[in-house]
Amino acid sequence: MSFYSWYARRILRIFPSAWVVVIMIVFPIDIFSGTLRLGNLLPELGKLFFPPFWFLQALLIYYVLIFVILEKLTKQIMIIIGMLLGFLYIIVYSFCLDLRIWTIETLPFNLIFYFLIILWGLYLGMNEKEIRFSGKVDVAALLICVGIIYFHKYLMVKGILAWLQCIQHFAVFPLLYFSLKVARSKFIISLMDGNSAVSTVIKFLSSRTLELFMVNNAIVITFKRIDLSFPWGAILFVSVSVILSVVVKRFAEYLGSKMEEVGVPKNMVRRQNIEIHGYPKHH
């Protein structure tokens, strides 16, 4: 597949949903809050061309790098790139961040981590035939990873071990690995292959991850201003996010169908989750 076709498919998965979120949610919130005015209308319209969500902005660049990695580089070179980025992560973390406060999720440092995660996902994908469920030890390892992440979060809330906040990033790598292994257990496979309520909910949410991400980021500041006690605030936030993601997805699909009618090739306007298809033979 050419770079144009490969990249266009992913761009056309992102932009219809991004346009709907910006027009239906971001602009109304900005108008209500006074952020969007006639004096800054033109700069604000730029959000239609460059989505106002940092991770999507990063993805637009990551996709170029991913294509080069998949098509031009060997697995060994990808590992070397990952090691170099890991070394850069450690250097920046050790000498450039204020570890007295929560800083590892701030730009531009978190771009290093998320590209490492993408590389890790590509590596696991290239070796997916070798990844098998090993029984209770994989479940235990997965639970340990989750436990480490949340126990450390609890300690940081108490003002303890903030300087070790890199644990939050490091634990994600084995978390993804053991999640993949557990996902290949007979129990999970049978659960997902069936028509159970759990399977239906998971498939429903997984088909709307992009929309949920954008909606959450668009409304989270507004909801922080609503003084609702737990768990009512959380329940309202999740409910509104899910409902809006459904609406956004529906309008984005309609917009995608109209793009087909005006000449955008069908294979570039597929309603699919963002994913990487096919690995180079030389890997």
C-alpha atoms as a PDB file:
ATOM      1  CA  MET A   1       0.000   0.000   0.000  1.00  0.00           C
ATOM      2  CA  SER A   2       1.284   3.472  -0.868  1.00  0.00           C
ATOM      3  CA  PHE A   3       1.945   6.011   1.868  1.00  0.00           C
ATOM      4  CA  TYR A   4      -0.833   8.232   0.502  1.00  0.00           C
ATOM      5  CA  SER A   5      -3.473   5.499   0.772  1.00  0.00           C
ATOM      6  CA  TRP A   6      -2.202   4.302   4.147  1.00  0.00           C
ATOM      7  CA  TYR A   7      -2.092   7.781   5.669  1.00  0.00           C
ATOM      8  CA  ALA A   8      -5.344   8.956   4.082  1.00  0.00           C
ATOM      9  CA  ARG A   9      -7.290   6.044   5.576  1.00  0.00           C
ATOM     10  CA  ARG A  10      -6.187   7.076   9.048  1.00  0.00           C
ATOM     11  CA  ILE A  11      -6.693  10.781   8.499  1.00  0.00           C
ATOM     12  CA  LEU A  12     -10.206  10.136   7.226  1.00  0.00           C
ATOM     13  CA  ARG A  13     -10.954   8.080  10.313  1.00  0.00           C
ATOM     14  CA  ILE A  14      -9.936  10.969  12.559  1.00  0.00           C
ATOM     15  CA  PHE A  15     -11.165  14.134  10.859  1.00  0.00           C
ATOM     16  CA  PRO A  16     -14.907  13.485  10.357  1.00  0.00           C
ATOM     17  CA  SER A  17     -15.278  12.760  14.085  1.00  0.00           C
ATOM     18  CA  ALA A  18     -12.980  15.656  14.991  1.00  0.00           C
ATOM     19  CA  TRP A  19     -15.035  18.075  12.872  1.00  0.00           C
ATOM     20  CA  VAL A  20     -18.262  16.956  14.526  1.00  0.00           C
ATOM     21  CA  VAL A  21     -16.801  17.297  18.041  1.00  0.00           C
ATOM     22  CA  VAL A  22     -15.388  20.757  17.313  1.00  0.00           C
ATOM     23  CA  ILE A  23     -18.602  22.074  15.730  1.00  0.00           C
ATOM     24  CA  MET A  24     -21.111  20.440  18.108  1.00  0.00           C
ATOM     25  CA  ILE A  25     -19.211  20.591  21.411  1.00  0.00           C
ATOM     26  CA  VAL A  26     -16.002  22.647  21.389  1.00  0.00           C
ATOM     27  CA  PHE A  27     -17.366  25.754  19.638  1.00  0.00           C
ATOM     28  CA  PRO A  28     -20.568  25.975  21.739  1.00  0.00           C
ATOM     29  CA  ILE A  29     -18.565  25.613  24.966  1.00  0.00           C
ATOM     30  CA  ASP A  30     -16.083  28.253  23.786  1.00  0.00           C
ATOM     31  CA  ILE A  31     -18.906  30.633  22.831  1.00  0.00           C
ATOM     32  CA  PHE A  32     -20.620  30.129  26.204  1.00  0.00           C
ATOM     33  CA  SER A  33     -17.356  30.665  28.117  1.00  0.00           C
ATOM     34  CA  GLY A  34     -16.403  33.722  26.044  1.00  0.00           C
ATOM     35  CA  THR A  35     -13.307  32.065  24.579  1.00  0.00           C
ATOM     36  CA  LEU A  36     -14.654  32.180  21.021  1.00  0.00           C
ATOM     37  CA  ARG A  37     -15.347  35.727  19.825  1.00  0.00           C
ATOM     38  CA  LEU A  38     -15.493  37.527  16.497  1.00  0.00           C
ATOM     39  CA  GLY A  39     -12.033  38.922  17.163  1.00  0.00           C
ATOM     40  CA  ASN A  40     -10.419  35.460  17.258  1.00  0.00           C
ATOM     41  CA  LEU A  41     -12.804  33.631  14.932  1.00  0.00           C
ATOM     42  CA  LEU A  42     -10.240  32.832  12.238  1.00  0.00           C
ATOM     43  CA  PRO A  43      -7.656  31.311  14.624  1.00  0.00           C
ATOM     44  CA  GLU A  44     -10.407  29.281  16.305  1.00  0.00           C
ATOM     45  CA  LEU A  45     -11.546  27.931  12.926  1.00  0.00           C
ATOM     46  CA  GLY A  46      -8.085  26.415  12.662  1.00  0.00           C
ATOM     47  CA  LYS A  47      -9.318  23.733  15.063  1.00  0.00           C
ATOM     48  CA  LEU A  48     -11.203  22.239  12.117  1.00  0.00           C
ATOM     49  CA  PHE A  49      -7.913  21.600  10.331  1.00  0.00           C
ATOM     50  CA  PHE A  50      -5.690  20.780  13.306  1.00  0.00           C
ATOM     51  CA  PRO A  51      -7.753  19.030  16.022  1.00  0.00           C
ATOM     52  CA  PRO A  52      -7.491  20.729  19.445  1.00  0.00           C
ATOM     53  CA  PHE A  53      -6.565  17.457  21.140  1.00  0.00           C
ATOM     54  CA  TRP A  54      -2.859  16.969  21.776  1.00  0.00           C
ATOM     55  CA  PHE A  55      -2.815  13.200  21.255  1.00  0.00           C
ATOM     56  CA  LEU A  56      -4.505  13.443  17.863  1.00  0.00           C
ATOM     57  CA  GLN A  57      -2.019  16.129  16.888  1.00  0.00           C
ATOM     58  CA  ALA A  58       0.754  13.733  17.908  1.00  0.00           C
ATOM     59  CA  LEU A  59      -0.880  10.876  15.993  1.00  0.00           C
ATOM     60  CA  LEU A  60      -0.772  12.863  12.764  1.00  0.00           C
ATOM     61  CA  ILE A  61       3.012  12.884  13.148  1.00  0.00           C
ATOM     62  CA  TYR A  62       3.319   9.404  14.657  1.00  0.00           C
ATOM     63  CA  TYR A  63       1.548   7.870  11.652  1.00  0.00           C
ATOM     64  CA  VAL A  64       4.276   9.146   9.322  1.00  0.00           C
ATOM     65  CA  LEU A  65       6.935   7.572  11.550  1.00  0.00           C
ATOM     66  CA  ILE A  66       4.948   4.346  11.925  1.00  0.00           C
ATOM     67  CA  PHE A  67       4.695   3.917   8.172  1.00  0.00           C
ATOM     68  CA  VAL A  68       8.458   4.359   7.801  1.00  0.00           C
ATOM     69  CA  ILE A  69       9.074   1.851  10.599  1.00  0.00           C
ATOM     70  CA  LEU A  70       6.722  -0.741   9.131  1.00  0.00           C
ATOM     71  CA  GLU A  71       7.854  -0.395   5.544  1.00  0.00           C
ATOM     72  CA  LYS A  72      11.523   0.517   5.745  1.00  0.00           C
ATOM     73  CA  LEU A  73      13.035  -0.664   9.022  1.00  0.00           C
ATOM     74  CA  THR A  74      13.807  -4.102  10.419  1.00  0.00           C
ATOM     75  CA  LYS A  75      12.663  -5.309  13.812  1.00  0.00           C
ATOM     76  CA  GLN A  76      16.214  -4.992  15.120  1.00  0.00           C
ATOM     77  CA  ILE A  77      16.450  -1.315  14.132  1.00  0.00           C
ATOM     78  CA  MET A  78      13.056  -0.685  15.742  1.00  0.00           C
ATOM     79  CA  ILE A  79      14.399  -2.173  18.989  1.00  0.00           C
ATOM     80  CA  ILE A  80      17.452   0.104  18.796  1.00  0.00           C
ATOM     81  CA  ILE A  81      15.190   3.134  18.274  1.00  0.00           C
ATOM     82  CA  GLY A  82      13.162   2.074  21.293  1.00  0.00           C
ATOM     83  CA  MET A  83      16.307   1.741  23.420  1.00  0.00           C
ATOM     84  CA  LEU A  84      17.537   5.186  22.361  1.00  0.00           C
ATOM     85  CA  LEU A  85      14.156   6.732  23.179  1.00  0.00           C
ATOM     86  CA  GLY A  86      14.183   4.921  26.514  1.00  0.00           C
ATOM     87  CA  PHE A  87      17.601   6.418  27.269  1.00  0.00           C
ATOM     88  CA  LEU A  88      16.301   9.874  26.274  1.00  0.00           C
ATOM     89  CA  TYR A  89      13.308   9.341  28.575  1.00  0.00           C
ATOM     90  CA  ILE A  90      15.573   8.574  31.537  1.00  0.00           C
ATOM     91  CA  ILE A  91      17.857  11.559  30.881  1.00  0.00           C
ATOM     92  CA  VAL A  92      14.988  14.046  30.551  1.00  0.00           C
ATOM     93  CA  TYR A  93      13.167  12.521  33.537  1.00  0.00           C
ATOM     94  CA  SER A  94      16.254  12.682  35.732  1.00  0.00           C
ATOM     95  CA  PHE A  95      17.479  16.166  34.906  1.00  0.00           C
ATOM     96  CA  CYS A  96      14.694  18.233  33.303  1.00  0.00           C
ATOM     97  CA  LEU A  97      11.481  17.583  35.247  1.00  0.00           C
ATOM     98  CA  ASP A  98      10.253  18.961  38.558  1.00  0.00           C
ATOM     99  CA  LEU A  99       9.459  15.656  40.247  1.00  0.00           C
ATOM    100  CA  ARG A 100       7.939  17.337  43.292  1.00  0.00           C
ATOM    101  CA  ILE A 101       4.724  17.696  41.278  1.00  0.00           C
ATOM    102  CA  TRP A 102       2.918  15.546  38.687  1.00  0.00           C
ATOM    103  CA  THR A 103       4.836  16.295  35.512  1.00  0.00           C
ATOM    104  CA  ILE A 104       5.258  13.110  33.453  1.00  0.00           C
ATOM    105  CA  GLU A 105       2.001  13.725  31.548  1.00  0.00           C
ATOM    106  CA  THR A 106       2.959  17.213  30.433  1.00  0.00           C
ATOM    107  CA  LEU A 107       4.051  18.165  26.939  1.00  0.00           C
ATOM    108  CA  PRO A 108       6.501  17.611  25.360  1.00  0.00           C
ATOM    109  CA  PHE A 109       7.860  14.924  27.725  1.00  0.00           C
ATOM    110  CA  ASN A 110       4.850  12.629  27.420  1.00  0.00           C
ATOM    111  CA  LEU A 111       5.354  12.491  23.627  1.00  0.00           C
ATOM    112  CA  ILE A 112       8.433  10.341  24.261  1.00  0.00           C
ATOM    113  CA  PHE A 113       6.464   7.902  26.385  1.00  0.00           C
ATOM    114  CA  TYR A 114       3.517   7.569  24.011  1.00  0.00           C
ATOM    115  CA  PHE A 115       5.753   6.957  21.020  1.00  0.00           C
ATOM    116  CA  LEU A 116       7.510   4.258  23.057  1.00  0.00           C
ATOM    117  CA  ILE A 117       4.086   2.728  23.718  1.00  0.00           C
ATOM    118  CA  ILE A 118       3.349   2.761  19.990  1.00  0.00           C
ATOM    119  CA  LEU A 119       6.678   1.043  19.308  1.00  0.00           C
ATOM    120  CA  TRP A 120       5.867  -1.509  21.996  1.00  0.00           C
ATOM    121  CA  GLY A 121       2.487  -2.166  20.396  1.00  0.00           C
ATOM    122  CA  LEU A 122       4.109  -2.636  16.989  1.00  0.00           C
ATOM    123  CA  TYR A 123       6.665  -5.008  18.479  1.00  0.00           C
ATOM    124  CA  LEU A 124       3.974  -7.073  20.187  1.00  0.00           C
ATOM    125  CA  GLY A 125       2.027  -7.137  16.928  1.00  0.00           C
ATOM    126  CA  MET A 126       5.047  -8.435  15.048  1.00  0.00           C
ATOM    127  CA  ASN A 127       5.429 -11.219  17.606  1.00  0.00           C
ATOM    128  CA  GLU A 128       1.748 -11.878  18.234  1.00  0.00           C
ATOM    129  CA  LYS A 129       1.940 -15.516  17.095  1.00  0.00           C
ATOM    130  CA  GLU A 130       4.406 -16.237  19.882  1.00  0.00           C
ATOM    131  CA  ILE A 131       2.277 -14.653  22.621  1.00  0.00           C
ATOM    132  CA  ARG A 132       0.164 -17.264  24.373  1.00  0.00           C
ATOM    133  CA  PHE A 133      -1.875 -17.402  27.560  1.00  0.00           C
ATOM    134  CA  SER A 134       0.083 -19.212  30.271  1.00  0.00           C
ATOM    135  CA  GLY A 135      -2.589 -19.600  32.907  1.00  0.00           C
ATOM    136  CA  LYS A 136      -2.965 -18.086  36.358  1.00  0.00           C
ATOM    137  CA  VAL A 137       0.552 -16.641  36.347  1.00  0.00           C
ATOM    138  CA  ASP A 138      -0.455 -14.215  33.575  1.00  0.00           C
ATOM    139  CA  VAL A 139      -3.593 -13.177  35.439  1.00  0.00           C
ATOM    140  CA  ALA A 140      -1.550 -12.658  38.603  1.00  0.00           C
ATOM    141  CA  ALA A 141       1.046 -10.596  36.728  1.00  0.00           C
ATOM    142  CA  LEU A 142      -1.682  -8.436  35.183  1.00  0.00           C
ATOM    143  CA  LEU A 143      -3.272  -7.816  38.578  1.00  0.00           C
ATOM    144  CA  ILE A 144       0.122  -6.953  40.057  1.00  0.00           C
ATOM    145  CA  CYS A 145       0.692  -4.343  37.322  1.00  0.00           C
ATOM    146  CA  VAL A 146      -2.714  -2.790  37.989  1.00  0.00           C
ATOM    147  CA  GLY A 147      -2.066  -2.903  41.739  1.00  0.00           C
ATOM    148  CA  ILE A 148       1.316  -1.169  41.403  1.00  0.00           C
ATOM    149  CA  ILE A 149      -0.170   1.618  39.284  1.00  0.00           C
ATOM    150  CA  TYR A 150      -3.064   2.389  41.615  1.00  0.00           C
ATOM    151  CA  PHE A 151      -1.160   1.887  44.862  1.00  0.00           C
ATOM    152  CA  HIS A 152       1.479   4.333  43.682  1.00  0.00           C
ATOM    153  CA  LYS A 153      -1.251   6.777  42.629  1.00  0.00           C
ATOM    154  CA  TYR A 154      -2.618   6.517  46.178  1.00  0.00           C
ATOM    155  CA  LEU A 155       0.825   7.208  47.646  1.00  0.00           C
ATOM    156  CA  MET A 156       1.270  10.261  45.418  1.00  0.00           C
ATOM    157  CA  VAL A 157      -2.083  11.648  46.555  1.00  0.00           C
ATOM    158  CA  LYS A 158      -0.644  11.400  50.077  1.00  0.00           C
ATOM    159  CA  GLY A 159       2.490  13.213  48.948  1.00  0.00           C
ATOM    160  CA  ILE A 160       4.668  10.092  48.990  1.00  0.00           C
ATOM    161  CA  LEU A 161       7.089   8.907  46.259  1.00  0.00           C
ATOM    162  CA  ALA A 162       6.217  11.636  43.769  1.00  0.00           C
ATOM    163  CA  TRP A 163       9.827  11.428  42.561  1.00  0.00           C
ATOM    164  CA  LEU A 164       9.091   7.863  41.404  1.00  0.00           C
ATOM    165  CA  GLN A 165       6.154   8.833  39.196  1.00  0.00           C
ATOM    166  CA  CYS A 166       7.918   7.126  36.291  1.00  0.00           C
ATOM    167  CA  ILE A 167       6.437   3.932  37.757  1.00  0.00           C
ATOM    168  CA  GLN A 168       3.148   5.038  36.201  1.00  0.00           C
ATOM    169  CA  HIS A 169       4.760   4.825  32.764  1.00  0.00           C
ATOM    170  CA  PHE A 170       7.022   1.831  33.267  1.00  0.00           C
ATOM    171  CA  ALA A 171       4.194  -0.355  34.569  1.00  0.00           C
ATOM    172  CA  VAL A 172       2.170   0.222  31.391  1.00  0.00           C
ATOM    173  CA  PHE A 173       4.549  -1.886  29.280  1.00  0.00           C
ATOM    174  CA  PRO A 174       4.082  -5.169  31.193  1.00  0.00           C
ATOM    175  CA  LEU A 175       0.422  -4.226  31.674  1.00  0.00           C
ATOM    176  CA  LEU A 176      -0.113  -4.227  27.904  1.00  0.00           C
ATOM    177  CA  TYR A 177       1.868  -7.430  27.463  1.00  0.00           C
ATOM    178  CA  PHE A 178      -0.020  -9.412  30.093  1.00  0.00           C
ATOM    179  CA  SER A 179      -3.340  -7.887  28.993  1.00  0.00           C
ATOM    180  CA  LEU A 180      -2.689  -9.317  25.526  1.00  0.00           C
ATOM    181  CA  LYS A 181      -1.842 -12.703  27.005  1.00  0.00           C
ATOM    182  CA  VAL A 182      -4.940 -12.789  29.211  1.00  0.00           C
ATOM    183  CA  ALA A 183      -7.075 -11.643  26.262  1.00  0.00           C
ATOM    184  CA  ARG A 184      -6.052 -14.897  24.558  1.00  0.00           C
ATOM    185  CA  SER A 185      -7.403 -17.105  27.322  1.00  0.00           C
ATOM    186  CA  LYS A 186     -10.289 -19.391  26.438  1.00  0.00           C
ATOM    187  CA  PHE A 187     -12.532 -17.572  28.894  1.00  0.00           C
ATOM    188  CA  ILE A 188     -11.989 -14.129  27.323  1.00  0.00           C
ATOM    189  CA  ILE A 189     -12.209 -15.499  23.771  1.00  0.00           C
ATOM    190  CA  SER A 190     -15.491 -17.268  24.515  1.00  0.00           C
ATOM    191  CA  LEU A 191     -16.785 -14.141  26.219  1.00  0.00           C
ATOM    192  CA  MET A 192     -15.970 -11.964  23.223  1.00  0.00           C
ATOM    193  CA  ASP A 193     -17.219 -14.448  20.636  1.00  0.00           C
ATOM    194  CA  GLY A 194     -20.625 -14.691  22.224  1.00  0.00           C
ATOM    195  CA  ASN A 195     -23.552 -12.288  22.403  1.00  0.00           C
ATOM    196  CA  SER A 196     -23.334 -11.718  26.136  1.00  0.00           C
ATOM    197  CA  ALA A 197     -23.987  -8.338  27.713  1.00  0.00           C
ATOM    198  CA  VAL A 198     -20.281  -7.962  28.522  1.00  0.00           C
ATOM    199  CA  SER A 199     -19.289  -8.671  24.921  1.00  0.00           C
ATOM    200  CA  THR A 200     -21.872  -6.219  23.605  1.00  0.00           C
ATOM    201  CA  VAL A 201     -20.709  -3.437  25.930  1.00  0.00           C
ATOM    202  CA  ILE A 202     -17.020  -3.982  25.122  1.00  0.00           C
ATOM    203  CA  LYS A 203     -17.637  -3.990  21.370  1.00  0.00           C
ATOM    204  CA  PHE A 204     -19.860  -0.918  21.682  1.00  0.00           C
ATOM    205  CA  LEU A 205     -17.209   1.062  23.566  1.00  0.00           C
ATOM    206  CA  SER A 206     -14.245  -0.183  21.515  1.00  0.00           C
ATOM    207  CA  SER A 207     -15.871   1.034  18.296  1.00  0.00           C
ATOM    208  CA  ARG A 208     -16.133   4.517  19.799  1.00  0.00           C
ATOM    209  CA  THR A 209     -12.781   4.958  21.548  1.00  0.00           C
ATOM    210  CA  LEU A 210     -11.775   7.849  19.292  1.00  0.00           C
ATOM    211  CA  GLU A 211     -15.054   9.673  19.862  1.00  0.00           C
ATOM    212  CA  LEU A 212     -14.956   9.010  23.624  1.00  0.00           C
ATOM    213  CA  PHE A 213     -11.429  10.393  23.843  1.00  0.00           C
ATOM    214  CA  MET A 214     -12.349  13.627  22.060  1.00  0.00           C
ATOM    215  CA  VAL A 215     -15.644  14.095  23.904  1.00  0.00           C
ATOM    216  CA  ASN A 216     -13.977  13.523  27.286  1.00  0.00           C
ATOM    217  CA  ASN A 217     -11.308  16.101  26.537  1.00  0.00           C
ATOM    218  CA  ALA A 218     -13.873  18.576  25.221  1.00  0.00           C
ATOM    219  CA  ILE A 219     -16.198  18.490  28.250  1.00  0.00           C
ATOM    220  CA  VAL A 220     -13.935  17.645  31.183  1.00  0.00           C
ATOM    221  CA  ILE A 221     -13.152  21.270  32.141  1.00  0.00           C
ATOM    222  CA  THR A 222     -16.842  22.180  32.027  1.00  0.00           C
ATOM    223  CA  PHE A 223     -17.713  19.259  34.299  1.00  0.00           C
ATOM    224  CA  LYS A 224     -15.023  20.234  36.793  1.00  0.00           C
ATOM    225  CA  ARG A 225     -16.987  23.432  37.344  1.00  0.00           C
ATOM    226  CA  ILE A 226     -20.114  21.451  38.237  1.00  0.00           C
ATOM    227  CA  ASP A 227     -20.046  20.854  41.967  1.00  0.00           C
ATOM    228  CA  LEU A 228     -21.505  17.364  42.269  1.00  0.00           C
ATOM    229  CA  SER A 229     -20.488  14.951  44.998  1.00  0.00           C
ATOM    230  CA  PHE A 230     -19.022  11.547  44.205  1.00  0.00           C
ATOM    231  CA  PRO A 231     -20.264   9.298  42.645  1.00  0.00           C
ATOM    232  CA  TRP A 232     -22.983  11.451  41.033  1.00  0.00           C
ATOM    233  CA  GLY A 233     -20.522  13.701  39.244  1.00  0.00           C
ATOM    234  CA  ALA A 234     -18.647  10.699  37.824  1.00  0.00           C
ATOM    235  CA  ILE A 235     -21.870   8.969  36.776  1.00  0.00           C
ATOM    236  CA  LEU A 236     -23.121  12.114  35.011  1.00  0.00           C
ATOM    237  CA  PHE A 237     -19.772  12.655  33.278  1.00  0.00           C
ATOM    238  CA  VAL A 238     -19.586   9.065  31.999  1.00  0.00           C
ATOM    239  CA  SER A 239     -23.234   9.085  30.894  1.00  0.00           C
ATOM    240  CA  VAL A 240     -22.905  12.347  28.971  1.00  0.00           C
ATOM    241  CA  SER A 241     -19.619  11.191  27.415  1.00  0.00           C
ATOM    242  CA  VAL A 242     -21.133   7.948  26.138  1.00  0.00           C
ATOM    243  CA  ILE A 243     -24.273   9.633  24.789  1.00  0.00           C
ATOM    244  CA  LEU A 244     -22.299  12.353  23.015  1.00  0.00           C
ATOM    245  CA  SER A 245     -19.853   9.790  21.569  1.00  0.00           C
ATOM    246  CA  VAL A 246     -22.789   7.922  20.019  1.00  0.00           C
ATOM    247  CA  VAL A 247     -24.116  11.142  18.482  1.00  0.00           C
ATOM    248  CA  VAL A 248     -20.667  12.123  17.216  1.00  0.00           C
ATOM    249  CA  LYS A 249     -20.090   8.688  15.710  1.00  0.00           C
ATOM    250  CA  ARG A 250     -23.437   8.772  13.901  1.00  0.00           C
ATOM    251  CA  PHE A 251     -22.814  12.217  12.391  1.00  0.00           C
ATOM    252  CA  ALA A 252     -19.218  11.275  11.495  1.00  0.00           C
ATOM    253  CA  GLU A 253     -20.446   8.198   9.626  1.00  0.00           C
ATOM    254  CA  TYR A 254     -22.953  10.365   7.757  1.00  0.00           C
ATOM    255  CA  LEU A 255     -20.197  12.828   6.904  1.00  0.00           C
ATOM    256  CA  GLY A 256     -18.006   9.964   5.738  1.00  0.00           C
ATOM    257  CA  SER A 257     -20.739   8.699   3.421  1.00  0.00           C
ATOM    258  CA  LYS A 258     -21.055  12.173   1.913  1.00  0.00           C
ATOM    259  CA  MET A 259     -17.307  12.256   1.352  1.00  0.00           C
ATOM    260  CA  GLU A 260     -17.685   9.039  -0.637  1.00  0.00           C
ATOM    261  CA  GLU A 261     -20.352  10.654  -2.785  1.00  0.00           C
ATOM    262  CA  VAL A 262     -18.069  13.553  -3.724  1.00  0.00           C
ATOM    263  CA  GLY A 263     -15.316  11.264  -4.859  1.00  0.00           C
ATOM    264  CA  VAL A 264     -13.229  10.114  -1.881  1.00  0.00           C
ATOM    265  CA  PRO A 265     -12.382   6.432  -2.534  1.00  0.00           C
ATOM    266  CA  LYS A 266     -14.436   3.986  -0.488  1.00  0.00           C
ATOM    267  CA  ASN A 267     -11.409   2.190   0.895  1.00  0.00           C
ATOM    268  CA  MET A 268     -10.279   5.456   2.479  1.00  0.00           C
ATOM    269  CA  VAL A 269     -13.506   6.148   4.364  1.00  0.00           C
ATOM    270  CA  ARG A 270     -13.934   2.945   6.318  1.00  0.00           C
ATOM    271  CA  ARG A 271     -15.659   3.107   9.653  1.00  0.00           C
ATOM    272  CA  GLN A 272     -12.977   1.281  11.553  1.00  0.00           C
ATOM    273  CA  ASN A 273     -10.931   1.726  14.668  1.00  0.00           C
ATOM    274  CA  ILE A 274      -7.445   3.138  14.278  1.00  0.00           C
ATOM    275  CA  GLU A 275      -5.233   0.114  13.692  1.00  0.00           C
ATOM    276  CA  ILE A 276      -2.140  -1.002  11.872  1.00  0.00           C
ATOM    277  CA  HIS A 277      -2.658  -3.533   9.072  1.00  0.00           C
ATOM    278  CA  GLY A 278       0.075  -5.793   7.790  1.00  0.00           C
ATOM    279  CA  TYR A 279       3.753  -5.980   8.578  1.00  0.00           C
ATOM    280  CA  PRO A 280       6.624  -5.908   6.097  1.00  0.00           C
ATOM    281  CA  LYS A 281       7.768  -9.328   4.935  1.00  0.00           C
ATOM    282  CA  HIS A 282      11.357  -8.671   5.896  1.00  0.00           C
ATOM    283  CA  HIS A 283      10.362  -8.524   9.564  1.00  0.00           C
END
